[in-house]
Structures are given as structure tokens and as C-alpha cells.
Amino acid sequence: MKNAAETGIKRVLLSWSSGKDSAWTLYQLQQDSAVEVVGLLTTFNSQFNRSAIHGVRERLLRLQAEAADLPLIEIPLPWPCTNEQYEAIMGTALDDVRSQLQMDAVAFGDLFLEDIRSYREQQMAGTGLELIFPLWQIPTRKLAQQMIDGGLKATITCLDPRVVSDHLAGREFSNQLLGELPEAVDPCGENGEFHTFAWDGPMFMQPIPVVAGEVVNREGFVYADLLLKESP
């Protein structure tokens, strides 16, 4: 398989959380004629078969990948998982994926947290892979509006009740939601205030119809269980 220097096309693996930032990052990459997204890399809690952090069912992430017409590379993580375990697992997984997909770069949907970006750069140092941050330092209120105006549809799956009211779990990411968020909460939830599942938008070929199910409190966070809406 030819590399970017030979083809002029950069093969990019996208770190995929299932949320709006990942989905919008995918959309930005899709607009770049010099980029080919070759897969979505995601991690799962192996005990509960749900995405790490966002708490979304594995099946829904697979449907996202189908809607994006991309392979989903699933990395199971133990629970609980230490940082050392995480780094070892991800290092091995990245080596395996690189041999399969022959990618040139890895993209992330990070917005402005310098410590997170520095950690990624540190962990990827020496791999020879370029790191891409398409949304980096776009003002988050502007970015949130771009997502909504651009047709992205997402639902809150997890929130921190210390800073966001628990009644917003299961709500759609929308202008109405932005108006209800406290002033101190980042409009994109970049400080961990809330996380989402993207179920429709220009990055997908078809929507993933979901409904909010049970809302539970777990380990200090509030989760809305998203379920696939069955056809009538």
C-alpha cells in the first residue's frame, strides 16, 4: 500500500468517542481532499460492553461506523483500568492497527485542553505518526453553533451533576440546551461537564434512531441509557 508521500493522500485514523466532537472532527476531515479517513478507533469497558466515559452501548457505536462507512476498531479495556494498563493496551493496539491500515496520522477531537493534547503527543512520540487536531482552539460557543447549524444531532449520555442539572441527561444538543446551561459550563462540555452521542449529521449516510432510556447515577455521574428506536 502506498504512503502519503507517494499518493498525496494522508491516511488518517480517527480517535472515536461516539460524541459530537468526534463526529464533527470526522466531518472536517471528510471535507479535506488530501485526507482519507481509514477507520474509527474506540475503547470499550469490557465488563459492561459500553464505550469508555460516554457509557454508550457497543451496538450503537457500530451503527455509527456503518453510517460513516468506516471500520470500527474496538479496543476492550478492563474495569477498573489503571493508567499503566491503558497505555500498554493502547500501545499494542496502535501497532496492530497501523500494520493493518497503514495510516499516516491519527486525528483527535480535542478542543483546548493543553494537558490532554500534551499527553497524546507524549504517548505518540517516536511512532512516526502525525497528530491532527482539526477543531483545536476554535471558540467553543462558535463551534457549538457551527455543529447545530450544520445539522449535527446528538444526545447527552453522561453529565456531571455537580455542574449540570441531572434533568438534562438524555436531552438533545441544541440551541435550547445551550440556553439552559449555566454560564460557567463550556458550551461543548470540554471540561467534562457533559458527553454526547452523535446520531445524525452530514458525516453520516443515515441517522441512528435512538431514544433515551433509563437514567442512573453511577460513581458520581448521571448516565442516560440510549436505546435503538425500533421501527413501527
C-alpha atoms as a PDB file:
ATOM      1  CA  MET A   1       0.000   0.000   0.000  1.00  0.00           C
ATOM      2  CA  LYS A   2       1.386   3.430  -0.993  1.00  0.00           C
ATOM      3  CA  ASN A   3       2.002   6.078   1.638  1.00  0.00           C
ATOM      4  CA  ALA A   4       1.051   9.756   1.700  1.00  0.00           C
ATOM      5  CA  ALA A   5       4.334  10.852   0.136  1.00  0.00           C
ATOM      6  CA  GLU A   6       3.610   8.665  -2.894  1.00  0.00           C
ATOM      7  CA  THR A   7      -0.108   9.374  -3.308  1.00  0.00           C
ATOM      8  CA  GLY A   8      -0.504  12.851  -1.845  1.00  0.00           C
ATOM      9  CA  ILE A   9      -3.376  11.469   0.252  1.00  0.00           C
ATOM     10  CA  LYS A  10      -2.913  11.297   4.012  1.00  0.00           C
ATOM     11  CA  ARG A  11      -4.435   8.171   5.583  1.00  0.00           C
ATOM     12  CA  VAL A  12      -5.930   9.162   8.936  1.00  0.00           C
ATOM     13  CA  LEU A  13      -7.222   7.079  11.834  1.00  0.00           C
ATOM     14  CA  LEU A  14      -9.745   8.981  13.957  1.00  0.00           C
ATOM     15  CA  SER A  15      -9.983   8.556  17.728  1.00  0.00           C
ATOM     16  CA  TRP A  16     -13.710   7.993  18.229  1.00  0.00           C
ATOM     17  CA  SER A  17     -15.645   8.618  21.455  1.00  0.00           C
ATOM     18  CA  SER A  18     -19.117   8.486  19.795  1.00  0.00           C
ATOM     19  CA  GLY A  19     -19.787  12.109  20.710  1.00  0.00           C
ATOM     20  CA  LYS A  20     -20.387  15.333  18.853  1.00  0.00           C
ATOM     21  CA  ASP A  21     -16.737  16.451  18.841  1.00  0.00           C
ATOM     22  CA  SER A  22     -15.578  13.181  17.271  1.00  0.00           C
ATOM     23  CA  ALA A  23     -18.382  13.354  14.730  1.00  0.00           C
ATOM     24  CA  TRP A  24     -17.630  16.967  13.804  1.00  0.00           C
ATOM     25  CA  THR A  25     -13.946  16.137  13.515  1.00  0.00           C
ATOM     26  CA  LEU A  26     -14.889  13.372  11.078  1.00  0.00           C
ATOM     27  CA  TYR A  27     -16.896  15.852   9.056  1.00  0.00           C
ATOM     28  CA  GLN A  28     -13.982  18.284   8.866  1.00  0.00           C
ATOM     29  CA  LEU A  29     -11.667  15.512   7.702  1.00  0.00           C
ATOM     30  CA  GLN A  30     -14.214  14.427   5.092  1.00  0.00           C
ATOM     31  CA  GLN A  31     -14.058  17.933   3.575  1.00  0.00           C
ATOM     32  CA  ASP A  32     -10.305  17.687   3.013  1.00  0.00           C
ATOM     33  CA  SER A  33      -9.457  16.228  -0.390  1.00  0.00           C
ATOM     34  CA  ALA A  34      -5.909  15.484   0.808  1.00  0.00           C
ATOM     35  CA  VAL A  35      -7.182  13.202   3.589  1.00  0.00           C
ATOM     36  CA  GLU A  36      -8.669   9.713   3.631  1.00  0.00           C
ATOM     37  CA  VAL A  37     -10.180   8.581   6.921  1.00  0.00           C
ATOM     38  CA  VAL A  38      -9.387   4.873   7.159  1.00  0.00           C
ATOM     39  CA  GLY A  39     -11.057   3.924  10.436  1.00  0.00           C
ATOM     40  CA  LEU A  40     -12.515   4.877  13.793  1.00  0.00           C
ATOM     41  CA  LEU A  41     -10.631   3.804  16.917  1.00  0.00           C
ATOM     42  CA  THR A  42     -12.683   3.433  20.088  1.00  0.00           C
ATOM     43  CA  THR A  43     -12.332   1.931  23.559  1.00  0.00           C
ATOM     44  CA  PHE A  44     -14.877  -0.137  25.463  1.00  0.00           C
ATOM     45  CA  ASN A  45     -15.399  -1.082  29.062  1.00  0.00           C
ATOM     46  CA  SER A  46     -15.149  -4.855  28.589  1.00  0.00           C
ATOM     47  CA  GLN A  47     -17.275  -5.626  31.653  1.00  0.00           C
ATOM     48  CA  PHE A  48     -20.294  -3.609  30.548  1.00  0.00           C
ATOM     49  CA  ASN A  49     -19.769  -3.534  26.740  1.00  0.00           C
ATOM     50  CA  ARG A  50     -20.140   0.221  26.697  1.00  0.00           C
ATOM     51  CA  SER A  51     -17.916   2.991  25.409  1.00  0.00           C
ATOM     52  CA  ALA A  52     -15.442   4.355  27.907  1.00  0.00           C
ATOM     53  CA  ILE A  53     -16.533   7.661  29.510  1.00  0.00           C
ATOM     54  CA  HIS A  54     -19.698   8.167  27.438  1.00  0.00           C
ATOM     55  CA  GLY A  55     -21.345   4.923  28.557  1.00  0.00           C
ATOM     56  CA  VAL A  56     -22.913   4.176  25.159  1.00  0.00           C
ATOM     57  CA  ARG A  57     -23.867   0.655  24.138  1.00  0.00           C
ATOM     58  CA  GLU A  58     -21.407  -1.052  21.832  1.00  0.00           C
ATOM     59  CA  ARG A  59     -24.082  -1.726  19.226  1.00  0.00           C
ATOM     60  CA  LEU A  60     -24.758   1.978  18.757  1.00  0.00           C
ATOM     61  CA  LEU A  61     -21.119   2.761  18.021  1.00  0.00           C
ATOM     62  CA  ARG A  62     -21.082   0.002  15.441  1.00  0.00           C
ATOM     63  CA  LEU A  63     -24.106   1.595  13.797  1.00  0.00           C
ATOM     64  CA  GLN A  64     -22.272   4.930  13.745  1.00  0.00           C
ATOM     65  CA  ALA A  65     -19.361   3.307  11.934  1.00  0.00           C
ATOM     66  CA  GLU A  66     -21.756   1.737   9.430  1.00  0.00           C
ATOM     67  CA  ALA A  67     -23.397   5.122   8.862  1.00  0.00           C
ATOM     68  CA  ALA A  68     -19.952   6.630   8.237  1.00  0.00           C
ATOM     69  CA  ASP A  69     -18.974   3.676   6.013  1.00  0.00           C
ATOM     70  CA  LEU A  70     -15.812   3.107   8.041  1.00  0.00           C
ATOM     71  CA  PRO A  71     -14.371   0.206  10.027  1.00  0.00           C
ATOM     72  CA  LEU A  72     -14.667   0.475  13.804  1.00  0.00           C
ATOM     73  CA  ILE A  73     -11.549  -0.677  15.618  1.00  0.00           C
ATOM     74  CA  GLU A  74     -12.717  -1.734  19.071  1.00  0.00           C
ATOM     75  CA  ILE A  75     -10.224  -1.828  21.946  1.00  0.00           C
ATOM     76  CA  PRO A  76     -11.565  -3.579  25.073  1.00  0.00           C
ATOM     77  CA  LEU A  77     -10.365  -2.181  28.386  1.00  0.00           C
ATOM     78  CA  PRO A  78     -10.571  -3.945  31.757  1.00  0.00           C
ATOM     79  CA  TRP A  79     -12.602  -2.435  34.559  1.00  0.00           C
ATOM     80  CA  PRO A  80     -11.217  -0.909  36.614  1.00  0.00           C
ATOM     81  CA  CYS A  81      -8.312   0.107  34.376  1.00  0.00           C
ATOM     82  CA  THR A  82      -5.128   1.741  35.615  1.00  0.00           C
ATOM     83  CA  ASN A  83      -3.300   4.311  33.532  1.00  0.00           C
ATOM     84  CA  GLU A  84      -0.427   1.861  33.097  1.00  0.00           C
ATOM     85  CA  GLN A  85      -2.804  -0.818  31.778  1.00  0.00           C
ATOM     86  CA  TYR A  86      -4.440   1.684  29.445  1.00  0.00           C
ATOM     87  CA  GLU A  87      -1.132   2.817  27.967  1.00  0.00           C
ATOM     88  CA  ALA A  88       0.103  -0.740  27.446  1.00  0.00           C
ATOM     89  CA  ILE A  89      -3.143  -1.844  25.794  1.00  0.00           C
ATOM     90  CA  MET A  90      -3.334   1.194  23.537  1.00  0.00           C
ATOM     91  CA  GLY A  91       0.313   0.898  22.527  1.00  0.00           C
ATOM     92  CA  THR A  92      -0.156  -2.696  21.392  1.00  0.00           C
ATOM     93  CA  ALA A  93      -3.462  -1.901  19.698  1.00  0.00           C
ATOM     94  CA  LEU A  94      -1.988   1.027  17.786  1.00  0.00           C
ATOM     95  CA  ASP A  95       0.850  -1.145  16.494  1.00  0.00           C
ATOM     96  CA  ASP A  96      -1.656  -3.750  15.294  1.00  0.00           C
ATOM     97  CA  VAL A  97      -3.937  -1.188  13.671  1.00  0.00           C
ATOM     98  CA  ARG A  98      -1.050   0.552  11.971  1.00  0.00           C
ATOM     99  CA  SER A  99       0.058  -2.684  10.334  1.00  0.00           C
ATOM    100  CA  GLN A 100      -3.496  -3.295   9.105  1.00  0.00           C
ATOM    101  CA  LEU A 101      -4.461   0.172   7.889  1.00  0.00           C
ATOM    102  CA  GLN A 102      -1.090   1.711   7.001  1.00  0.00           C
ATOM    103  CA  MET A 103      -2.178   5.101   8.289  1.00  0.00           C
ATOM    104  CA  ASP A 104      -0.029   8.210   8.277  1.00  0.00           C
ATOM    105  CA  ALA A 105      -1.739  10.146  11.057  1.00  0.00           C
ATOM    106  CA  VAL A 106      -4.142   9.981  13.984  1.00  0.00           C
ATOM    107  CA  ALA A 107      -6.806  12.652  14.484  1.00  0.00           C
ATOM    108  CA  PHE A 108      -8.429  13.754  17.723  1.00  0.00           C
ATOM    109  CA  GLY A 109     -11.454  15.895  18.537  1.00  0.00           C
ATOM    110  CA  ASP A 110      -9.799  17.828  21.364  1.00  0.00           C
ATOM    111  CA  LEU A 111     -10.752  21.480  21.639  1.00  0.00           C
ATOM    112  CA  PHE A 112      -8.500  23.414  24.031  1.00  0.00           C
ATOM    113  CA  LEU A 113      -7.192  21.328  26.950  1.00  0.00           C
ATOM    114  CA  GLU A 114      -3.419  21.662  26.691  1.00  0.00           C
ATOM    115  CA  ASP A 115      -2.681  18.849  29.153  1.00  0.00           C
ATOM    116  CA  ILE A 116      -4.702  16.339  27.140  1.00  0.00           C
ATOM    117  CA  ARG A 117      -3.009  17.338  23.898  1.00  0.00           C
ATOM    118  CA  SER A 118       0.433  17.188  25.520  1.00  0.00           C
ATOM    119  CA  TYR A 119      -0.330  13.713  26.883  1.00  0.00           C
ATOM    120  CA  ARG A 120      -1.322  12.478  23.427  1.00  0.00           C
ATOM    121  CA  GLU A 121       1.796  13.957  21.878  1.00  0.00           C
ATOM    122  CA  GLN A 122       3.960  12.379  24.551  1.00  0.00           C
ATOM    123  CA  GLN A 123       2.398   8.945  24.120  1.00  0.00           C
ATOM    124  CA  MET A 124       2.682   9.088  20.318  1.00  0.00           C
ATOM    125  CA  ALA A 125       6.234  10.405  20.242  1.00  0.00           C
ATOM    126  CA  GLY A 126       8.510   8.087  18.284  1.00  0.00           C
ATOM    127  CA  THR A 127       5.709   6.389  16.346  1.00  0.00           C
ATOM    128  CA  GLY A 128       6.326   8.434  13.212  1.00  0.00           C
ATOM    129  CA  LEU A 129       2.604   9.220  13.054  1.00  0.00           C
ATOM    130  CA  GLU A 130       1.386  12.769  12.626  1.00  0.00           C
ATOM    131  CA  LEU A 131      -1.181  14.006  15.143  1.00  0.00           C
ATOM    132  CA  ILE A 132      -4.049  16.117  13.811  1.00  0.00           C
ATOM    133  CA  PHE A 133      -6.435  18.291  15.856  1.00  0.00           C
ATOM    134  CA  PRO A 134      -8.932  19.766  13.358  1.00  0.00           C
ATOM    135  CA  LEU A 135     -11.059  21.550  15.998  1.00  0.00           C
ATOM    136  CA  TRP A 136      -8.212  22.865  18.119  1.00  0.00           C
ATOM    137  CA  GLN A 137      -8.850  26.280  19.724  1.00  0.00           C
ATOM    138  CA  ILE A 138     -11.992  27.075  17.783  1.00  0.00           C
ATOM    139  CA  PRO A 139     -14.007  29.153  20.312  1.00  0.00           C
ATOM    140  CA  THR A 140     -16.412  26.616  21.750  1.00  0.00           C
ATOM    141  CA  ARG A 141     -19.539  28.744  21.607  1.00  0.00           C
ATOM    142  CA  LYS A 142     -18.845  29.353  17.929  1.00  0.00           C
ATOM    143  CA  LEU A 143     -18.082  25.656  17.425  1.00  0.00           C
ATOM    144  CA  ALA A 144     -21.261  24.531  19.188  1.00  0.00           C
ATOM    145  CA  GLN A 145     -23.275  26.820  16.912  1.00  0.00           C
ATOM    146  CA  GLN A 146     -21.477  25.507  13.831  1.00  0.00           C
ATOM    147  CA  MET A 147     -22.355  21.953  14.812  1.00  0.00           C
ATOM    148  CA  ILE A 148     -26.020  22.737  15.378  1.00  0.00           C
ATOM    149  CA  ASP A 149     -26.360  24.883  12.248  1.00  0.00           C
ATOM    150  CA  GLY A 150     -24.508  22.205  10.265  1.00  0.00           C
ATOM    151  CA  GLY A 151     -27.117  19.564  11.060  1.00  0.00           C
ATOM    152  CA  LEU A 152     -25.313  17.576  13.738  1.00  0.00           C
ATOM    153  CA  LYS A 153     -27.737  15.774  16.046  1.00  0.00           C
ATOM    154  CA  ALA A 154     -26.507  14.488  19.395  1.00  0.00           C
ATOM    155  CA  THR A 155     -27.938  13.477  22.763  1.00  0.00           C
ATOM    156  CA  ILE A 156     -26.431  13.895  26.222  1.00  0.00           C
ATOM    157  CA  THR A 157     -25.451  10.463  27.558  1.00  0.00           C
ATOM    158  CA  CYS A 158     -23.425  11.443  30.615  1.00  0.00           C
ATOM    159  CA  LEU A 159     -23.127  14.543  32.769  1.00  0.00           C
ATOM    160  CA  ASP A 160     -21.515  15.770  35.946  1.00  0.00           C
ATOM    161  CA  PRO A 161     -24.386  16.715  38.294  1.00  0.00           C
ATOM    162  CA  ARG A 162     -22.074  18.981  40.283  1.00  0.00           C
ATOM    163  CA  VAL A 163     -22.110  21.476  37.410  1.00  0.00           C
ATOM    164  CA  VAL A 164     -25.029  20.467  35.143  1.00  0.00           C
ATOM    165  CA  SER A 165     -28.580  19.700  36.250  1.00  0.00           C
ATOM    166  CA  ASP A 166     -29.317  15.980  36.058  1.00  0.00           C
ATOM    167  CA  HIS A 167     -32.594  16.644  34.228  1.00  0.00           C
ATOM    168  CA  LEU A 168     -30.538  17.399  31.107  1.00  0.00           C
ATOM    169  CA  ALA A 169     -29.443  13.755  30.783  1.00  0.00           C
ATOM    170  CA  GLY A 170     -30.990  12.379  27.611  1.00  0.00           C
ATOM    171  CA  ARG A 171     -31.589  15.844  26.129  1.00  0.00           C
ATOM    172  CA  GLU A 172     -30.663  16.758  22.581  1.00  0.00           C
ATOM    173  CA  PHE A 173     -27.687  19.044  21.958  1.00  0.00           C
ATOM    174  CA  SER A 174     -29.481  22.107  20.610  1.00  0.00           C
ATOM    175  CA  ASN A 175     -29.810  25.868  20.880  1.00  0.00           C
ATOM    176  CA  GLN A 176     -32.391  25.358  23.592  1.00  0.00           C
ATOM    177  CA  LEU A 177     -29.938  23.245  25.568  1.00  0.00           C
ATOM    178  CA  LEU A 178     -27.185  25.845  25.176  1.00  0.00           C
ATOM    179  CA  GLY A 179     -29.557  28.432  26.600  1.00  0.00           C
ATOM    180  CA  GLU A 180     -30.199  26.273  29.670  1.00  0.00           C
ATOM    181  CA  LEU A 181     -26.562  25.586  30.510  1.00  0.00           C
ATOM    182  CA  PRO A 182     -25.095  27.555  33.412  1.00  0.00           C
ATOM    183  CA  GLU A 183     -22.786  30.373  32.360  1.00  0.00           C
ATOM    184  CA  ALA A 184     -19.745  28.579  33.795  1.00  0.00           C
ATOM    185  CA  VAL A 185     -20.343  25.424  31.728  1.00  0.00           C
ATOM    186  CA  ASP A 186     -18.446  25.155  28.459  1.00  0.00           C
ATOM    187  CA  PRO A 187     -20.923  25.039  25.522  1.00  0.00           C
ATOM    188  CA  CYS A 188     -19.194  21.910  24.195  1.00  0.00           C
ATOM    189  CA  GLY A 189     -18.674  20.330  27.616  1.00  0.00           C
ATOM    190  CA  GLU A 190     -14.924  20.257  27.056  1.00  0.00           C
ATOM    191  CA  ASN A 191     -14.175  20.375  30.776  1.00  0.00           C
ATOM    192  CA  GLY A 192     -16.089  17.126  31.311  1.00  0.00           C
ATOM    193  CA  GLU A 193     -19.413  18.763  32.189  1.00  0.00           C
ATOM    194  CA  PHE A 194     -21.291  16.502  29.769  1.00  0.00           C
ATOM    195  CA  HIS A 195     -20.764  13.952  26.998  1.00  0.00           C
ATOM    196  CA  THR A 196     -22.915  13.097  23.998  1.00  0.00           C
ATOM    197  CA  PHE A 197     -23.765  10.501  21.365  1.00  0.00           C
ATOM    198  CA  ALA A 198     -23.946  11.801  17.773  1.00  0.00           C
ATOM    199  CA  TRP A 199     -26.790  10.105  15.902  1.00  0.00           C
ATOM    200  CA  ASP A 200     -27.216  12.180  12.752  1.00  0.00           C
ATOM    201  CA  GLY A 201     -25.410  14.765  10.677  1.00  0.00           C
ATOM    202  CA  PRO A 202     -23.549  15.399   7.426  1.00  0.00           C
ATOM    203  CA  MET A 203     -20.805  12.933   8.385  1.00  0.00           C
ATOM    204  CA  PHE A 204     -23.275  10.022   8.291  1.00  0.00           C
ATOM    205  CA  MET A 205     -25.090   8.418   5.364  1.00  0.00           C
ATOM    206  CA  GLN A 206     -28.159   7.737   7.518  1.00  0.00           C
ATOM    207  CA  PRO A 207     -29.281   8.566  11.060  1.00  0.00           C
ATOM    208  CA  ILE A 208     -29.050   6.186  14.003  1.00  0.00           C
ATOM    209  CA  PRO A 209     -32.526   6.498  15.557  1.00  0.00           C
ATOM    210  CA  VAL A 210     -32.194   6.473  19.342  1.00  0.00           C
ATOM    211  CA  VAL A 211     -34.393   7.147  22.346  1.00  0.00           C
ATOM    212  CA  ALA A 212     -33.314   7.943  25.881  1.00  0.00           C
ATOM    213  CA  GLY A 213     -33.954   5.073  28.277  1.00  0.00           C
ATOM    214  CA  GLU A 214     -33.238   4.728  31.973  1.00  0.00           C
ATOM    215  CA  VAL A 215     -31.314   7.496  33.731  1.00  0.00           C
ATOM    216  CA  VAL A 216     -28.997   6.301  36.501  1.00  0.00           C
ATOM    217  CA  ASN A 217     -26.449   7.729  38.925  1.00  0.00           C
ATOM    218  CA  ARG A 218     -23.144   5.858  38.897  1.00  0.00           C
ATOM    219  CA  GLU A 219     -19.871   6.776  40.571  1.00  0.00           C
ATOM    220  CA  GLY A 220     -20.815  10.429  40.843  1.00  0.00           C
ATOM    221  CA  PHE A 221     -22.066  10.852  37.275  1.00  0.00           C
ATOM    222  CA  VAL A 222     -25.516  10.729  35.690  1.00  0.00           C
ATOM    223  CA  TYR A 223     -25.982   8.475  32.646  1.00  0.00           C
ATOM    224  CA  ALA A 224     -28.853   8.304  30.171  1.00  0.00           C
ATOM    225  CA  ASP A 225     -29.030   4.878  28.561  1.00  0.00           C
ATOM    226  CA  LEU A 226     -29.634   5.305  24.829  1.00  0.00           C
ATOM    227  CA  LEU A 227     -31.634   2.623  23.074  1.00  0.00           C
ATOM    228  CA  LEU A 228     -32.141   1.951  19.405  1.00  0.00           C
ATOM    229  CA  LYS A 229     -35.605   3.113  18.364  1.00  0.00           C
ATOM    230  CA  GLU A 230     -37.434   0.216  16.812  1.00  0.00           C
ATOM    231  CA  SER A 231     -39.306   0.776  13.545  1.00  0.00           C
ATOM    232  CA  PRO A 232     -43.112   0.893  13.912  1.00  0.00           C
END
